Amino acid sequence: MGAGVTIYVVVKARDYIARHSPEALVEKVQHTVVDAGGEAKAFVARVRAATAEREAELRETLGLTQ
C-alpha cells in the first residue's frame, strides 16, 4: 500500500510541476493574450457595424444621401 501511495504522489507531483513550469506558464499567458486580442477585434467590428447601421438610419431619417 505504501508503494501505491508513493507512486500516486510522485505522479501527481510531476503533473503539478509540468503544469506550473515557466514554459507552461508562458504558453498559458500567450494563449490568454491571443484570446483577448481576438475578443477585442470582434468588439471593434461590432461597434463599427453598429455605428454604420445607426449612421444609415440617421441619414435616412434626415433625408440625406450618401
N, C-alpha and C. Protein backbone atom coordinates (compact mmCIF):
# COMPACT_ATOMS: atom_id res chain seq x y z
N MET A 1 0.83 -1.19 0.00
CA MET A 1 0.00 0.00 0.00
C MET A 1 0.88 1.26 0.00
N GLY A 2 1.94 1.22 0.75
CA GLY A 2 2.83 2.38 0.80
C GLY A 2 3.44 2.69 -0.55
N ALA A 3 3.76 1.66 -1.32
CA ALA A 3 4.33 1.87 -2.65
C ALA A 3 3.30 2.52 -3.57
N GLY A 4 2.05 2.09 -3.47
CA GLY A 4 0.98 2.66 -4.29
C GLY A 4 0.79 4.14 -4.01
N VAL A 5 0.81 4.50 -2.73
CA VAL A 5 0.65 5.90 -2.34
C VAL A 5 1.84 6.71 -2.84
N THR A 6 3.03 6.14 -2.72
CA THR A 6 4.23 6.83 -3.18
C THR A 6 4.17 7.08 -4.68
N ILE A 7 3.76 6.08 -5.44
CA ILE A 7 3.66 6.24 -6.89
C ILE A 7 2.63 7.31 -7.22
N TYR A 8 1.50 7.29 -6.55
CA TYR A 8 0.46 8.29 -6.77
C TYR A 8 0.99 9.70 -6.50
N VAL A 9 1.67 9.87 -5.39
CA VAL A 9 2.21 11.18 -5.03
C VAL A 9 3.24 11.64 -6.05
N VAL A 10 4.10 10.75 -6.48
CA VAL A 10 5.13 11.10 -7.46
C VAL A 10 4.48 11.52 -8.77
N VAL A 11 3.48 10.78 -9.23
CA VAL A 11 2.80 11.11 -10.49
C VAL A 11 2.12 12.47 -10.37
N LYS A 12 1.43 12.71 -9.27
CA LYS A 12 0.75 13.99 -9.07
C LYS A 12 1.75 15.14 -8.97
N ALA A 13 2.87 14.91 -8.33
CA ALA A 13 3.90 15.94 -8.20
C ALA A 13 4.49 16.28 -9.57
N ARG A 14 4.75 15.27 -10.39
CA ARG A 14 5.26 15.52 -11.74
C ARG A 14 4.25 16.31 -12.57
N ASP A 15 2.99 15.94 -12.44
CA ASP A 15 1.92 16.64 -13.14
C ASP A 15 1.88 18.12 -12.73
N TYR A 16 1.95 18.36 -11.43
CA TYR A 16 1.92 19.73 -10.90
C TYR A 16 3.11 20.53 -11.41
N ILE A 17 4.26 19.94 -11.37
CA ILE A 17 5.48 20.62 -11.81
C ILE A 17 5.39 20.93 -13.31
N ALA A 18 4.87 20.00 -14.10
CA ALA A 18 4.76 20.22 -15.54
C ALA A 18 3.78 21.36 -15.84
N ARG A 19 2.67 21.42 -15.09
CA ARG A 19 1.67 22.47 -15.33
C ARG A 19 2.14 23.83 -14.85
N HIS A 20 3.06 23.87 -13.90
CA HIS A 20 3.50 25.14 -13.33
C HIS A 20 4.94 25.49 -13.65
N SER A 21 5.47 24.85 -14.67
CA SER A 21 6.83 25.19 -15.10
C SER A 21 6.79 26.54 -15.81
N PRO A 22 7.91 27.21 -15.88
CA PRO A 22 7.94 28.50 -16.58
C PRO A 22 7.44 28.40 -18.02
N GLU A 23 7.80 27.33 -18.71
CA GLU A 23 7.36 27.17 -20.10
C GLU A 23 5.85 27.04 -20.19
N ALA A 24 5.26 26.26 -19.28
CA ALA A 24 3.81 26.08 -19.29
C ALA A 24 3.10 27.39 -18.97
N LEU A 25 3.63 28.15 -18.04
CA LEU A 25 3.01 29.43 -17.68
C LEU A 25 3.11 30.43 -18.83
N VAL A 26 4.24 30.44 -19.53
CA VAL A 26 4.41 31.33 -20.68
C VAL A 26 3.39 30.96 -21.76
N GLU A 27 3.24 29.68 -22.01
CA GLU A 27 2.27 29.23 -23.02
C GLU A 27 0.84 29.63 -22.63
N LYS A 28 0.52 29.49 -21.37
CA LYS A 28 -0.81 29.86 -20.89
C LYS A 28 -1.06 31.36 -21.07
N VAL A 29 -0.06 32.17 -20.77
CA VAL A 29 -0.19 33.63 -20.94
C VAL A 29 -0.33 33.97 -22.42
N GLN A 30 0.43 33.32 -23.27
CA GLN A 30 0.34 33.58 -24.71
C GLN A 30 -1.06 33.28 -25.23
N HIS A 31 -1.62 32.17 -24.81
CA HIS A 31 -2.98 31.82 -25.25
C HIS A 31 -3.99 32.85 -24.75
N THR A 32 -3.80 33.33 -23.53
CA THR A 32 -4.72 34.32 -22.98
C THR A 32 -4.63 35.63 -23.76
N VAL A 33 -3.43 36.04 -24.11
CA VAL A 33 -3.24 37.28 -24.87
C VAL A 33 -3.86 37.14 -26.26
N VAL A 34 -3.66 36.02 -26.90
CA VAL A 34 -4.23 35.79 -28.23
C VAL A 34 -5.75 35.82 -28.15
N ASP A 35 -6.31 35.16 -27.15
CA ASP A 35 -7.77 35.16 -26.97
C ASP A 35 -8.29 36.57 -26.72
N ALA A 36 -7.60 37.33 -25.90
CA ALA A 36 -8.03 38.70 -25.60
C ALA A 36 -7.95 39.57 -26.86
N GLY A 37 -6.92 39.38 -27.65
CA GLY A 37 -6.79 40.13 -28.89
C GLY A 37 -7.92 39.82 -29.86
N GLY A 38 -8.29 38.57 -29.96
CA GLY A 38 -9.40 38.19 -30.82
C GLY A 38 -10.71 38.77 -30.35
N GLU A 39 -10.91 38.77 -29.04
CA GLU A 39 -12.13 39.35 -28.48
C GLU A 39 -12.18 40.86 -28.72
N ALA A 40 -11.05 41.52 -28.59
CA ALA A 40 -11.00 42.97 -28.82
C ALA A 40 -11.32 43.29 -30.29
N LYS A 41 -10.78 42.50 -31.21
CA LYS A 41 -11.06 42.72 -32.64
C LYS A 41 -12.54 42.50 -32.93
N ALA A 42 -13.12 41.49 -32.33
CA ALA A 42 -14.55 41.22 -32.54
C ALA A 42 -15.39 42.36 -31.98
N PHE A 43 -15.01 42.89 -30.83
CA PHE A 43 -15.73 44.00 -30.23
C PHE A 43 -15.68 45.23 -31.13
N VAL A 44 -14.50 45.54 -31.64
CA VAL A 44 -14.34 46.70 -32.52
C VAL A 44 -15.18 46.51 -33.78
N ALA A 45 -15.21 45.31 -34.31
CA ALA A 45 -16.01 45.05 -35.51
C ALA A 45 -17.50 45.26 -35.22
N ARG A 46 -17.97 44.81 -34.04
CA ARG A 46 -19.38 45.01 -33.69
C ARG A 46 -19.70 46.49 -33.51
N VAL A 47 -18.78 47.24 -32.91
CA VAL A 47 -19.01 48.67 -32.72
C VAL A 47 -19.06 49.38 -34.07
N ARG A 48 -18.16 49.04 -34.96
CA ARG A 48 -18.15 49.66 -36.30
C ARG A 48 -19.44 49.35 -37.06
N ALA A 49 -19.89 48.11 -36.98
CA ALA A 49 -21.11 47.72 -37.68
C ALA A 49 -22.32 48.48 -37.11
N ALA A 50 -22.39 48.57 -35.78
CA ALA A 50 -23.49 49.29 -35.15
C ALA A 50 -23.44 50.78 -35.50
N THR A 51 -22.26 51.34 -35.55
CA THR A 51 -22.10 52.76 -35.90
C THR A 51 -22.57 53.01 -37.34
N ALA A 52 -22.17 52.14 -38.24
CA ALA A 52 -22.58 52.30 -39.64
C ALA A 52 -24.08 52.15 -39.79
N GLU A 53 -24.65 51.20 -39.07
CA GLU A 53 -26.10 50.99 -39.12
C GLU A 53 -26.83 52.22 -38.59
N ARG A 54 -26.37 52.74 -37.48
CA ARG A 54 -27.03 53.92 -36.89
C ARG A 54 -26.87 55.14 -37.80
N GLU A 55 -25.70 55.28 -38.40
CA GLU A 55 -25.49 56.40 -39.31
C GLU A 55 -26.44 56.31 -40.50
N ALA A 56 -26.63 55.11 -41.03
CA ALA A 56 -27.55 54.92 -42.15
C ALA A 56 -28.98 55.27 -41.73
N GLU A 57 -29.36 54.88 -40.52
CA GLU A 57 -30.69 55.21 -40.02
C GLU A 57 -30.88 56.72 -39.91
N LEU A 58 -29.88 57.40 -39.37
CA LEU A 58 -29.98 58.85 -39.21
C LEU A 58 -30.03 59.55 -40.57
N ARG A 59 -29.21 59.09 -41.52
CA ARG A 59 -29.22 59.70 -42.86
C ARG A 59 -30.59 59.51 -43.52
N GLU A 60 -31.16 58.34 -43.34
CA GLU A 60 -32.49 58.08 -43.92
C GLU A 60 -33.54 58.96 -43.26
N THR A 61 -33.48 59.07 -41.95
CA THR A 61 -34.45 59.90 -41.22
C THR A 61 -34.34 61.35 -41.63
N LEU A 62 -33.11 61.83 -41.80
CA LEU A 62 -32.91 63.25 -42.15
C LEU A 62 -33.00 63.51 -43.66
N GLY A 63 -33.16 62.45 -44.43
CA GLY A 63 -33.28 62.62 -45.88
C GLY A 63 -31.98 62.96 -46.56
N LEU A 64 -30.87 62.61 -45.96
CA LEU A 64 -29.56 62.86 -46.55
C LEU A 64 -29.14 61.70 -47.42
N THR A 65 -28.50 61.98 -48.53
CA THR A 65 -27.98 60.91 -49.37
C THR A 65 -26.50 60.74 -49.10
N GLN A 66 -26.07 59.56 -49.32
CA GLN A 66 -24.64 59.27 -49.05
C GLN A 66 -23.79 59.61 -50.20
